[in-house]
PDB file of all heavy atoms in Angstrom:
ATOM      1  N   ASP A   1     116.821  92.825  96.196  1.00  0.00           N
ATOM      2  CA  ASP A   1     117.069  93.790  95.067  1.00  0.00           C
ATOM      3  C   ASP A   1     116.322  93.261  93.946  1.00  0.00           C
ATOM      4  O   ASP A   1     116.521  92.172  93.445  1.00  0.00           O
ATOM      5  CB  ASP A   1     118.521  93.798  94.799  1.00  0.00           C
ATOM      6  CG  ASP A   1     119.341  94.614  95.787  1.00  0.00           C
ATOM      7  OD1 ASP A   1     119.031  95.832  96.083  1.00  0.00           O
ATOM      8  OD2 ASP A   1     120.190  94.077  96.431  1.00  0.00           O
ATOM      9  N   LYS A   2     115.253  94.002  93.515  1.00  0.00           N
ATOM     10  CA  LYS A   2     114.370  93.563  92.449  1.00  0.00           C
ATOM     11  C   LYS A   2     113.811  94.800  91.813  1.00  0.00           C
ATOM     12  O   LYS A   2     113.266  95.703  92.447  1.00  0.00           O
ATOM     13  CB  LYS A   2     113.294  92.741  93.026  1.00  0.00           C
ATOM     14  CG  LYS A   2     112.292  92.149  92.106  1.00  0.00           C
ATOM     15  CD  LYS A   2     111.240  91.252  92.971  1.00  0.00           C
ATOM     16  CE  LYS A   2     110.171  90.806  92.141  1.00  0.00           C
ATOM     17  NZ  LYS A   2     109.173  89.964  92.931  1.00  0.00           N
ATOM     18  N   PRO A   3     113.798  94.817  90.463  1.00  0.00           N
ATOM     19  CA  PRO A   3     113.242  96.049  89.757  1.00  0.00           C
ATOM     20  C   PRO A   3     111.742  96.106  89.936  1.00  0.00           C
ATOM     21  O   PRO A   3     111.021  95.131  90.163  1.00  0.00           O
ATOM     22  CB  PRO A   3     113.622  95.830  88.314  1.00  0.00           C
ATOM     23  CG  PRO A   3     113.830  94.378  88.144  1.00  0.00           C
ATOM     24  CD  PRO A   3     114.334  93.828  89.508  1.00  0.00           C
ATOM     25  N   HIS A   4     111.220  97.321  89.825  1.00  0.00           N
ATOM     26  CA  HIS A   4     109.778  97.555  89.944  1.00  0.00           C
ATOM     27  C   HIS A   4     109.169  96.748  88.803  1.00  0.00           C
ATOM     28  O   HIS A   4     109.606  96.788  87.632  1.00  0.00           O
ATOM     29  CB  HIS A   4     109.539  99.077  89.706  1.00  0.00           C
ATOM     30  CG  HIS A   4     108.090  99.384  90.072  1.00  0.00           C
ATOM     31  ND1 HIS A   4     107.067  99.227  89.086  1.00  0.00           N
ATOM     32  CD2 HIS A   4     107.457  99.830  91.185  1.00  0.00           C
ATOM     33  CE1 HIS A   4     105.965  99.657  89.588  1.00  0.00           C
ATOM     34  NE2 HIS A   4     106.222  99.988  90.797  1.00  0.00           N
ATOM     35  N   PRO A   5     108.075  96.077  89.031  1.00  0.00           N
ATOM     36  CA  PRO A   5     107.394  95.238  87.991  1.00  0.00           C
ATOM     37  C   PRO A   5     106.859  96.009  86.727  1.00  0.00           C
ATOM     38  O   PRO A   5     106.738  95.463  85.720  1.00  0.00           O
ATOM     39  CB  PRO A   5     106.299  94.546  88.764  1.00  0.00           C
ATOM     40  CG  PRO A   5     105.978  95.372  89.913  1.00  0.00           C
ATOM     41  CD  PRO A   5     107.273  95.981  90.274  1.00  0.00           C
ATOM     42  N   GLU A   6     106.557  97.280  86.958  1.00  0.00           N
ATOM     43  CA  GLU A   6     106.018  98.029  85.711  1.00  0.00           C
ATOM     44  C   GLU A   6     106.986  98.985  85.098  1.00  0.00           C
ATOM     45  O   GLU A   6     107.170  98.997  83.918  1.00  0.00           O
ATOM     46  CB  GLU A   6     104.811  98.869  86.217  1.00  0.00           C
ATOM     47  CG  GLU A   6     103.631  98.032  86.669  1.00  0.00           C
ATOM     48  CD  GLU A   6     102.474  98.817  87.265  1.00  0.00           C
ATOM     49  OE1 GLU A   6     102.553 100.056  87.260  1.00  0.00           O
ATOM     50  OE2 GLU A   6     101.564  98.178  87.812  1.00  0.00           O
ATOM     51  N   THR A   7     107.909  99.609  86.006  1.00  0.00           N
ATOM     52  CA  THR A   7     108.807 100.625  85.387  1.00  0.00           C
ATOM     53  C   THR A   7     110.173 100.027  85.164  1.00  0.00           C
ATOM     54  O   THR A   7     110.966 100.592  84.429  1.00  0.00           O
ATOM     55  CB  THR A   7     108.964 101.798  86.367  1.00  0.00           C
ATOM     56  OG1 THR A   7     109.586 101.381  87.601  1.00  0.00           O
ATOM     57  CG2 THR A   7     107.673 102.460  86.691  1.00  0.00           C
ATOM     58  N   GLY A   8     110.434  98.927  85.766  1.00  0.00           N
ATOM     59  CA  GLY A   8     111.850  98.350  85.675  1.00  0.00           C
ATOM     60  C   GLY A   8     112.861  99.088  86.474  1.00  0.00           C
ATOM     61  O   GLY A   8     114.001  98.697  86.440  1.00  0.00           O
ATOM     62  N   GLN A   9     112.438 100.123  87.189  1.00  0.00           N
ATOM     63  CA  GLN A   9     113.460 100.873  88.011  1.00  0.00           C
ATOM     64  C   GLN A   9     113.984 100.077  89.109  1.00  0.00           C
ATOM     65  O   GLN A   9     113.264  99.300  89.767  1.00  0.00           O
ATOM     66  CB  GLN A   9     112.753 102.196  88.467  1.00  0.00           C
ATOM     67  CG  GLN A   9     112.394 103.173  87.467  1.00  0.00           C
ATOM     68  CD  GLN A   9     113.652 103.728  86.700  1.00  0.00           C
ATOM     69  OE1 GLN A   9     114.667 104.117  87.295  1.00  0.00           O
ATOM     70  NE2 GLN A   9     113.570 103.638  85.367  1.00  0.00           N
ATOM     71  N   PRO A  10     115.336 100.230  89.426  1.00  0.00           N
ATOM     72  CA  PRO A  10     115.883  99.453  90.522  1.00  0.00           C
ATOM     73  C   PRO A  10     115.278  99.776  91.902  1.00  0.00           C
ATOM     74  O   PRO A  10     114.969 100.999  92.129  1.00  0.00           O
ATOM     75  CB  PRO A  10     117.347  99.736  90.458  1.00  0.00           C
ATOM     76  CG  PRO A  10     117.448 101.074  89.772  1.00  0.00           C
ATOM     77  CD  PRO A  10     116.252 101.155  88.884  1.00  0.00           C
ATOM     78  N   ARG A  11     115.158  98.870  92.751  1.00  0.00           N
ATOM     79  CA  ARG A  11     114.687  99.100  94.044  1.00  0.00           C
ATOM     80  C   ARG A  11     115.227  98.053  95.025  1.00  0.00           C
ATOM     81  O   ARG A  11     115.402  96.904  94.614  1.00  0.00           O
ATOM     82  CB  ARG A  11     113.111  99.188  94.172  1.00  0.00           C
ATOM     83  CG  ARG A  11     112.424  97.826  93.752  1.00  0.00           C
ATOM     84  CD  ARG A  11     110.938  97.967  93.651  1.00  0.00           C
ATOM     85  NE  ARG A  11     110.464  96.692  93.292  1.00  0.00           N
ATOM     86  CZ  ARG A  11     109.265  96.249  93.504  1.00  0.00           C
ATOM     87  NH1 ARG A  11     108.298  97.015  93.919  1.00  0.00           N
ATOM     88  NH2 ARG A  11     108.851  95.071  93.170  1.00  0.00           N
ATOM     89  N   ARG A  12     115.405  98.426  96.227  1.00  0.00           N
ATOM     90  CA  ARG A  12     115.928  97.552  97.293  1.00  0.00           C
ATOM     91  C   ARG A  12     114.902  97.605  98.472  1.00  0.00           C
ATOM     92  O   ARG A  12     114.648  98.688  98.991  1.00  0.00           O
ATOM     93  CB  ARG A  12     117.272  97.946  97.778  1.00  0.00           C
ATOM     94  CG  ARG A  12     117.758  97.175  98.993  1.00  0.00           C
ATOM     95  CD  ARG A  12     119.240  97.502  99.357  1.00  0.00           C
ATOM     96  NE  ARG A  12     120.050  96.956  98.206  1.00  0.00           N
ATOM     97  CZ  ARG A  12     121.153  97.374  97.883  1.00  0.00           C
ATOM     98  NH1 ARG A  12     121.730  98.511  98.472  1.00  0.00           N
ATOM     99  NH2 ARG A  12     121.822  96.865  96.840  1.00  0.00           N
ATOM    100  N   THR A  13     114.315  96.477  98.680  1.00  0.00           N
ATOM    101  CA  THR A  13     113.219  96.368  99.758  1.00  0.00           C
ATOM    102  C   THR A  13     113.732  95.515 100.871  1.00  0.00           C
ATOM    103  O   THR A  13     114.216  94.384 100.788  1.00  0.00           O
ATOM    104  CB  THR A  13     111.952  95.711  99.191  1.00  0.00           C
ATOM    105  OG1 THR A  13     111.555  96.400  97.980  1.00  0.00           O
ATOM    106  CG2 THR A  13     110.849  95.667 100.228  1.00  0.00           C
ATOM    107  N   THR A  14     113.633  96.068 102.098  1.00  0.00           N
ATOM    108  CA  THR A  14     113.869  95.465 103.366  1.00  0.00           C
ATOM    109  C   THR A  14     112.520  94.909 103.898  1.00  0.00           C
ATOM    110  O   THR A  14     111.673  95.760 104.140  1.00  0.00           O
ATOM    111  CB  THR A  14     114.620  96.441 104.384  1.00  0.00           C
ATOM    112  OG1 THR A  14     115.888  96.768 103.730  1.00  0.00           O
ATOM    113  CG2 THR A  14     114.810  95.644 105.672  1.00  0.00           C
ATOM    114  N   PHE A  15     112.482  93.568 104.111  1.00  0.00           N
ATOM    115  CA  PHE A  15     111.267  93.009 104.596  1.00  0.00           C
ATOM    116  C   PHE A  15     111.407  92.830 106.161  1.00  0.00           C
ATOM    117  O   PHE A  15     112.458  92.330 106.590  1.00  0.00           O
ATOM    118  CB  PHE A  15     111.028  91.628 104.055  1.00  0.00           C
ATOM    119  CG  PHE A  15     110.487  91.696 102.623  1.00  0.00           C
ATOM    120  CD1 PHE A  15     111.405  91.980 101.470  1.00  0.00           C
ATOM    121  CD2 PHE A  15     109.239  91.418 102.290  1.00  0.00           C
ATOM    122  CE1 PHE A  15     110.975  92.054 100.211  1.00  0.00           C
ATOM    123  CE2 PHE A  15     108.709  91.579 101.038  1.00  0.00           C
ATOM    124  CZ  PHE A  15     109.594  91.824  99.921  1.00  0.00           C
ATOM    125  N   LEU A  16     110.367  93.320 106.869  1.00  0.00           N
ATOM    126  CA  LEU A  16     110.418  93.249 108.327  1.00  0.00           C
ATOM    127  C   LEU A  16     109.228  92.582 108.862  1.00  0.00           C
ATOM    128  O   LEU A  16     108.146  92.466 108.290  1.00  0.00           O
ATOM    129  CB  LEU A  16     110.449  94.684 108.897  1.00  0.00           C
ATOM    130  CG  LEU A  16     111.625  95.503 108.633  1.00  0.00           C
ATOM    131  CD1 LEU A  16     111.400  96.546 107.491  1.00  0.00           C
ATOM    132  CD2 LEU A  16     112.065  96.244 109.864  1.00  0.00           C
ATOM    133  N   LEU A  17     109.446  91.786 109.977  1.00  0.00           N
ATOM    134  CA  LEU A  17     108.405  91.083 110.695  1.00  0.00           C
ATOM    135  C   LEU A  17     107.806  92.017 111.760  1.00  0.00           C
ATOM    136  O   LEU A  17     108.613  92.591 112.527  1.00  0.00           O
ATOM    137  CB  LEU A  17     108.912  89.789 111.347  1.00  0.00           C
ATOM    138  CG  LEU A  17     107.915  89.065 112.191  1.00  0.00           C
ATOM    139  CD1 LEU A  17     106.733  88.612 111.459  1.00  0.00           C
ATOM    140  CD2 LEU A  17     108.663  87.963 112.843  1.00  0.00           C
ATOM    141  N   LEU A  18     106.475  92.241 111.696  1.00  0.00           N
ATOM    142  CA  LEU A  18     105.846  93.062 112.773  1.00  0.00           C
ATOM    143  C   LEU A  18     104.815  92.188 113.407  1.00  0.00           C
ATOM    144  O   LEU A  18     104.340  91.172 112.859  1.00  0.00           O
ATOM    145  CB  LEU A  18     105.189  94.309 112.195  1.00  0.00           C
ATOM    146  CG  LEU A  18     106.110  95.416 111.784  1.00  0.00           C
ATOM    147  CD1 LEU A  18     106.977  95.154 110.599  1.00  0.00           C
ATOM    148  CD2 LEU A  18     105.272  96.682 111.571  1.00  0.00           C
ATOM    149  N   ARG A  19     104.375  92.547 114.639  1.00  0.00           N
ATOM    150  CA  ARG A  19     103.400  91.791 115.428  1.00  0.00           C
ATOM    151  C   ARG A  19     102.239  92.676 115.586  1.00  0.00           C
ATOM    152  O   ARG A  19     102.408  93.894 115.987  1.00  0.00           O
ATOM    153  CB  ARG A  19     103.946  91.302 116.773  1.00  0.00           C
ATOM    154  CG  ARG A  19     105.142  90.437 116.619  1.00  0.00           C
ATOM    155  CD  ARG A  19     104.863  88.983 116.337  1.00  0.00           C
ATOM    156  NE  ARG A  19     106.036  88.209 116.344  1.00  0.00           N
ATOM    157  CZ  ARG A  19     106.118  87.076 115.716  1.00  0.00           C
ATOM    158  NH1 ARG A  19     105.127  86.639 115.018  1.00  0.00           N
ATOM    159  NH2 ARG A  19     107.278  86.352 115.746  1.00  0.00           N
ATOM    160  N   ALA A  20     101.025  92.161 115.478  1.00  0.00           N
ATOM    161  CA  ALA A  20      99.775  92.900 115.715  1.00  0.00           C
ATOM    162  C   ALA A  20      99.129  92.177 116.910  1.00  0.00           C
ATOM    163  O   ALA A  20      99.293  90.990 117.062  1.00  0.00           O
ATOM    164  CB  ALA A  20      98.860  92.880 114.590  1.00  0.00           C
ATOM    165  N   PRO A  21      98.396  92.970 117.770  1.00  0.00           N
ATOM    166  CA  PRO A  21      97.745  92.255 118.909  1.00  0.00           C
ATOM    167  C   PRO A  21      96.677  91.318 118.381  1.00  0.00           C
ATOM    168  O   PRO A  21      96.099  91.506 117.379  1.00  0.00           O
ATOM    169  CB  PRO A  21      97.126  93.455 119.655  1.00  0.00           C
ATOM    170  CG  PRO A  21      97.159  94.619 118.756  1.00  0.00           C
ATOM    171  CD  PRO A  21      98.216  94.394 117.709  1.00  0.00           C
ATOM    172  N   ALA A  22      96.400  90.314 119.185  1.00  0.00           N
ATOM    173  CA  ALA A  22      95.449  89.269 118.855  1.00  0.00           C
ATOM    174  C   ALA A  22      94.048  89.868 118.681  1.00  0.00           C
ATOM    175  O   ALA A  22      93.178  89.302 117.889  1.00  0.00           O
ATOM    176  CB  ALA A  22      95.409  88.191 119.904  1.00  0.00           C
ATOM    177  N   ASP A  23      93.740  90.950 119.361  1.00  0.00           N
ATOM    178  CA  ASP A  23      92.435  91.577 119.271  1.00  0.00           C
ATOM    179  C   ASP A  23      92.310  92.580 118.155  1.00  0.00           C
ATOM    180  O   ASP A  23      91.294  93.289 118.012  1.00  0.00           O
ATOM    181  CB  ASP A  23      91.996  92.205 120.541  1.00  0.00           C
ATOM    182  CG  ASP A  23      92.937  93.378 120.972  1.00  0.00           C
ATOM    183  OD1 ASP A  23      93.953  93.653 120.367  1.00  0.00           O
ATOM    184  OD2 ASP A  23      92.485  93.985 122.005  1.00  0.00           O
ATOM    185  N   ALA A  24      93.272  92.672 117.241  1.00  0.00           N
ATOM    186  CA  ALA A  24      93.190  93.516 116.094  1.00  0.00           C
ATOM    187  C   ALA A  24      91.931  93.048 115.206  1.00  0.00           C
ATOM    188  O   ALA A  24      91.568  91.927 115.225  1.00  0.00           O
ATOM    189  CB  ALA A  24      94.433  93.443 115.229  1.00  0.00           C
ATOM    190  N   PRO A  25      91.178  93.927 114.621  1.00  0.00           N
ATOM    191  CA  PRO A  25      90.036  93.636 113.846  1.00  0.00           C
ATOM    192  C   PRO A  25      90.382  92.576 112.809  1.00  0.00           C
ATOM    193  O   PRO A  25      91.472  92.530 112.290  1.00  0.00           O
ATOM    194  CB  PRO A  25      89.520  94.891 113.200  1.00  0.00           C
ATOM    195  CG  PRO A  25      90.452  96.004 113.689  1.00  0.00           C
ATOM    196  CD  PRO A  25      91.517  95.383 114.508  1.00  0.00           C
ATOM    197  N   ASP A  26      89.390  91.758 112.431  1.00  0.00           N
ATOM    198  CA  ASP A  26      89.549  90.763 111.348  1.00  0.00           C
ATOM    199  C   ASP A  26      89.678  91.433 109.989  1.00  0.00           C
ATOM    200  O   ASP A  26      90.459  90.981 109.132  1.00  0.00           O
ATOM    201  CB  ASP A  26      88.397  89.730 111.302  1.00  0.00           C
ATOM    202  CG  ASP A  26      88.360  88.896 112.526  1.00  0.00           C
ATOM    203  OD1 ASP A  26      89.356  88.658 113.172  1.00  0.00           O
ATOM    204  OD2 ASP A  26      87.250  88.414 112.903  1.00  0.00           O
ATOM    205  N   ALA A  27      88.791  92.435 109.692  1.00  0.00           N
ATOM    206  CA  ALA A  27      88.803  93.084 108.439  1.00  0.00           C
ATOM    207  C   ALA A  27      88.191  94.484 108.589  1.00  0.00           C
ATOM    208  O   ALA A  27      87.377  94.743 109.433  1.00  0.00           O
ATOM    209  CB  ALA A  27      87.958  92.288 107.446  1.00  0.00           C
ATOM    210  N   TRP A  28      88.618  95.403 107.695  1.00  0.00           N
ATOM    211  CA  TRP A  28      88.131  96.757 107.767  1.00  0.00           C
ATOM    212  C   TRP A  28      88.554  97.459 106.449  1.00  0.00           C
ATOM    213  O   TRP A  28      89.450  96.961 105.724  1.00  0.00           O
ATOM    214  CB  TRP A  28      88.703  97.507 108.978  1.00  0.00           C
ATOM    215  CG  TRP A  28      90.295  97.738 108.923  1.00  0.00           C
ATOM    216  CD1 TRP A  28      90.854  98.872 108.546  1.00  0.00           C
ATOM    217  CD2 TRP A  28      91.250  96.906 109.379  1.00  0.00           C
ATOM    218  NE1 TRP A  28      92.181  98.684 108.583  1.00  0.00           N
ATOM    219  CE2 TRP A  28      92.486  97.514 109.184  1.00  0.00           C
ATOM    220  CE3 TRP A  28      91.157  95.546 109.926  1.00  0.00           C
ATOM    221  CZ2 TRP A  28      93.708  96.797 109.485  1.00  0.00           C
ATOM    222  CZ3 TRP A  28      92.406  94.888 110.187  1.00  0.00           C
ATOM    223  CH2 TRP A  28      93.622  95.586 110.008  1.00  0.00           C
ATOM    224  N   ARG A  29      88.010  98.654 106.243  1.00  0.00           N
ATOM    225  CA  ARG A  29      88.334  99.490 105.103  1.00  0.00           C
ATOM    226  C   ARG A  29      89.062 100.756 105.696  1.00  0.00           C
ATOM    227  O   ARG A  29      88.689 101.276 106.639  1.00  0.00           O
ATOM    228  CB  ARG A  29      87.132  99.920 104.269  1.00  0.00           C
ATOM    229  CG  ARG A  29      86.645  98.809 103.429  1.00  0.00           C
ATOM    230  CD  ARG A  29      85.534  99.318 102.525  1.00  0.00           C
ATOM    231  NE  ARG A  29      85.078  98.085 101.736  1.00  0.00           N
ATOM    232  CZ  ARG A  29      85.006  98.149 100.472  1.00  0.00           C
ATOM    233  NH1 ARG A  29      85.297  99.187  99.757  1.00  0.00           N
ATOM    234  NH2 ARG A  29      84.550  96.985  99.863  1.00  0.00           N
ATOM    235  N   HIS A  30      90.138 101.131 104.996  1.00  0.00           N
ATOM    236  CA  HIS A  30      90.912 102.298 105.367  1.00  0.00           C
ATOM    237  C   HIS A  30      91.057 103.271 104.240  1.00  0.00           C
ATOM    238  O   HIS A  30      91.485 102.870 103.097  1.00  0.00           O
ATOM    239  CB  HIS A  30      92.311 101.852 105.834  1.00  0.00           C
ATOM    240  CG  HIS A  30      93.213 102.953 106.222  1.00  0.00           C
ATOM    241  ND1 HIS A  30      92.964 103.721 107.351  1.00  0.00           N
ATOM    242  CD2 HIS A  30      94.283 103.471 105.695  1.00  0.00           C
ATOM    243  CE1 HIS A  30      93.876 104.642 107.431  1.00  0.00           C
ATOM    244  NE2 HIS A  30      94.716 104.566 106.410  1.00  0.00           N
ATOM    245  N   HIS A  31      90.662 104.506 104.490  1.00  0.00           N
ATOM    246  CA  HIS A  31      90.773 105.534 103.448  1.00  0.00           C
ATOM    247  C   HIS A  31      92.108 106.268 103.810  1.00  0.00           C
ATOM    248  O   HIS A  31      92.337 106.826 104.839  1.00  0.00           O
ATOM    249  CB  HIS A  31      89.588 106.512 103.534  1.00  0.00           C
ATOM    250  CG  HIS A  31      89.619 107.467 102.473  1.00  0.00           C
ATOM    251  ND1 HIS A  31      89.259 107.246 101.144  1.00  0.00           N
ATOM    252  CD2 HIS A  31      89.905 108.851 102.546  1.00  0.00           C
ATOM    253  CE1 HIS A  31      89.432 108.347 100.451  1.00  0.00           C
ATOM    254  NE2 HIS A  31      89.806 109.334 101.243  1.00  0.00           N
ATOM    255  N   VAL A  32      92.995 106.255 102.774  1.00  0.00           N
ATOM    256  CA  VAL A  32      94.387 106.915 103.013  1.00  0.00           C
ATOM    257  C   VAL A  32      94.222 108.386 102.879  1.00  0.00           C
ATOM    258  O   VAL A  32      93.672 108.981 101.888  1.00  0.00           O
ATOM    259  CB  VAL A  32      95.367 106.306 101.934  1.00  0.00           C
ATOM    260  CG1 VAL A  32      96.679 107.017 102.159  1.00  0.00           C
ATOM    261  CG2 VAL A  32      95.375 104.851 102.033  1.00  0.00           C
ATOM    262  N   ALA A  33      94.676 109.073 103.880  1.00  0.00           N
ATOM    263  CA  ALA A  33      94.731 110.522 103.995  1.00  0.00           C
ATOM    264  C   ALA A  33      96.132 111.034 103.757  1.00  0.00           C
ATOM    265  O   ALA A  33      97.073 110.217 103.496  1.00  0.00           O
ATOM    266  CB  ALA A  33      94.257 110.992 105.333  1.00  0.00           C
ATOM    267  N   GLY A  34      96.313 112.312 103.785  1.00  0.00           N
ATOM    268  CA  GLY A  34      97.697 112.849 103.620  1.00  0.00           C
ATOM    269  C   GLY A  34      97.995 113.295 102.231  1.00  0.00           C
ATOM    270  O   GLY A  34      97.140 113.375 101.314  1.00  0.00           O
ATOM    271  N   ALA A  35      99.324 113.415 101.959  1.00  0.00           N
ATOM    272  CA  ALA A  35      99.854 113.949 100.658  1.00  0.00           C
ATOM    273  C   ALA A  35     100.646 112.842  99.926  1.00  0.00           C
ATOM    274  O   ALA A  35     101.183 113.121  98.908  1.00  0.00           O
ATOM    275  CB  ALA A  35     100.725 115.140 100.871  1.00  0.00           C
ATOM    276  N   ASP A  36     100.689 111.661 100.454  1.00  0.00           N
ATOM    277  CA  ASP A  36     101.420 110.480  99.880  1.00  0.00           C
ATOM    278  C   ASP A  36     100.805 110.174  98.546  1.00  0.00           C
ATOM    279  O   ASP A  36      99.713 110.476  98.265  1.00  0.00           O
ATOM    280  CB  ASP A  36     101.426 109.314 100.811  1.00  0.00           C
ATOM    281  CG  ASP A  36     102.391 108.230 100.408  1.00  0.00           C
ATOM    282  OD1 ASP A  36     103.425 108.525  99.749  1.00  0.00           O
ATOM    283  OD2 ASP A  36     102.081 107.061 100.697  1.00  0.00           O
ATOM    284  N   THR A  37     101.452 109.284  97.666  1.00  0.00           N
ATOM    285  CA  THR A  37     100.931 108.893  96.462  1.00  0.00           C
ATOM    286  C   THR A  37      99.723 108.064  96.659  1.00  0.00           C
ATOM    287  O   THR A  37      98.885 107.992  95.649  1.00  0.00           O
ATOM    288  CB  THR A  37     101.952 108.114  95.638  1.00  0.00           C
ATOM    289  OG1 THR A  37     102.395 106.963  96.465  1.00  0.00           O
ATOM    290  CG2 THR A  37     103.114 108.965  95.290  1.00  0.00           C
ATOM    291  N   ASP A  38      99.442 107.416  97.813  1.00  0.00           N
ATOM    292  CA  ASP A  38      98.287 106.604  98.052  1.00  0.00           C
ATOM    293  C   ASP A  38      97.111 107.488  98.559  1.00  0.00           C
ATOM    294  O   ASP A  38      95.997 106.959  98.724  1.00  0.00           O
ATOM    295  CB  ASP A  38      98.590 105.592  99.057  1.00  0.00           C
ATOM    296  CG  ASP A  38      99.489 104.430  98.478  1.00  0.00           C
ATOM    297  OD1 ASP A  38      99.596 104.330  97.262  1.00  0.00           O
ATOM    298  OD2 ASP A  38     100.094 103.787  99.304  1.00  0.00           O
ATOM    299  N   ALA A  39      97.273 108.757  98.801  1.00  0.00           N
ATOM    300  CA  ALA A  39      96.265 109.627  99.359  1.00  0.00           C
ATOM    301  C   ALA A  39      95.011 109.525  98.452  1.00  0.00           C
ATOM    302  O   ALA A  39      95.062 109.550  97.233  1.00  0.00           O
ATOM    303  CB  ALA A  39      96.733 111.065  99.537  1.00  0.00           C
ATOM    304  N   GLY A  40      93.863 109.359  99.129  1.00  0.00           N
ATOM    305  CA  GLY A  40      92.559 109.351  98.486  1.00  0.00           C
ATOM    306  C   GLY A  40      92.178 107.911  98.138  1.00  0.00           C
ATOM    307  O   GLY A  40      91.036 107.693  97.813  1.00  0.00           O
ATOM    308  N   LEU A  41      93.094 106.968  98.222  1.00  0.00           N
ATOM    309  CA  LEU A  41      92.727 105.613  97.869  1.00  0.00           C
ATOM    310  C   LEU A  41      92.035 104.876  99.162  1.00  0.00           C
ATOM    311  O   LEU A  41      92.253 105.386 100.358  1.00  0.00           O
ATOM    312  CB  LEU A  41      93.957 104.798  97.526  1.00  0.00           C
ATOM    313  CG  LEU A  41      94.698 105.140  96.209  1.00  0.00           C
ATOM    314  CD1 LEU A  41      95.953 104.352  96.103  1.00  0.00           C
ATOM    315  CD2 LEU A  41      93.764 105.036  95.007  1.00  0.00           C
ATOM    316  N   THR A  42      91.252 103.895  98.856  1.00  0.00           N
ATOM    317  CA  THR A  42      90.624 103.141  99.974  1.00  0.00           C
ATOM    318  C   THR A  42      91.179 101.700  99.799  1.00  0.00           C
ATOM    319  O   THR A  42      91.183 101.111  98.711  1.00  0.00           O
ATOM    320  CB  THR A  42      89.161 103.122  99.916  1.00  0.00           C
ATOM    321  OG1 THR A  42      88.719 104.459  99.988  1.00  0.00           O
ATOM    322  CG2 THR A  42      88.488 102.285 100.962  1.00  0.00           C
ATOM    323  N   PHE A  43      91.635 101.097 100.953  1.00  0.00           N
ATOM    324  CA  PHE A  43      92.191  99.809 100.928  1.00  0.00           C
ATOM    325  C   PHE A  43      91.258  98.839 101.777  1.00  0.00           C
ATOM    326  O   PHE A  43      90.793  99.289 102.900  1.00  0.00           O
ATOM    327  CB  PHE A  43      93.561  99.736 101.506  1.00  0.00           C
ATOM    328  CG  PHE A  43      94.636 100.454 100.674  1.00  0.00           C
ATOM    329  CD1 PHE A  43      95.610 101.192 101.320  1.00  0.00           C
ATOM    330  CD2 PHE A  43      94.552 100.499  99.345  1.00  0.00           C
ATOM    331  CE1 PHE A  43      96.569 101.837 100.553  1.00  0.00           C
ATOM    332  CE2 PHE A  43      95.491 101.112  98.576  1.00  0.00           C
ATOM    333  CZ  PHE A  43      96.524 101.859  99.191  1.00  0.00           C
ATOM    334  N   ALA A  44      90.955  97.696 101.320  1.00  0.00           N
ATOM    335  CA  ALA A  44      90.236  96.652 102.065  1.00  0.00           C
ATOM    336  C   ALA A  44      91.289  95.874 102.751  1.00  0.00           C
ATOM    337  O   ALA A  44      91.980  95.063 102.104  1.00  0.00           O
ATOM    338  CB  ALA A  44      89.299  95.913 101.128  1.00  0.00           C
TER     339      ALA A  44
END
C-alpha cells in the first residue's frame, strides 16, 4: 500500500513472480498498441 508518487492517490500493488523462458530475447523495443493509457508509447 503506497500512494502514487506524483498524484498521491492511494494504490495497492500486488507483486508477482513470473518466469520467462531462457531463450527469451536479451533486448528489444515494443510499441504499445490498443486503447490503454500506454498506447502509442515505445518501450525499450
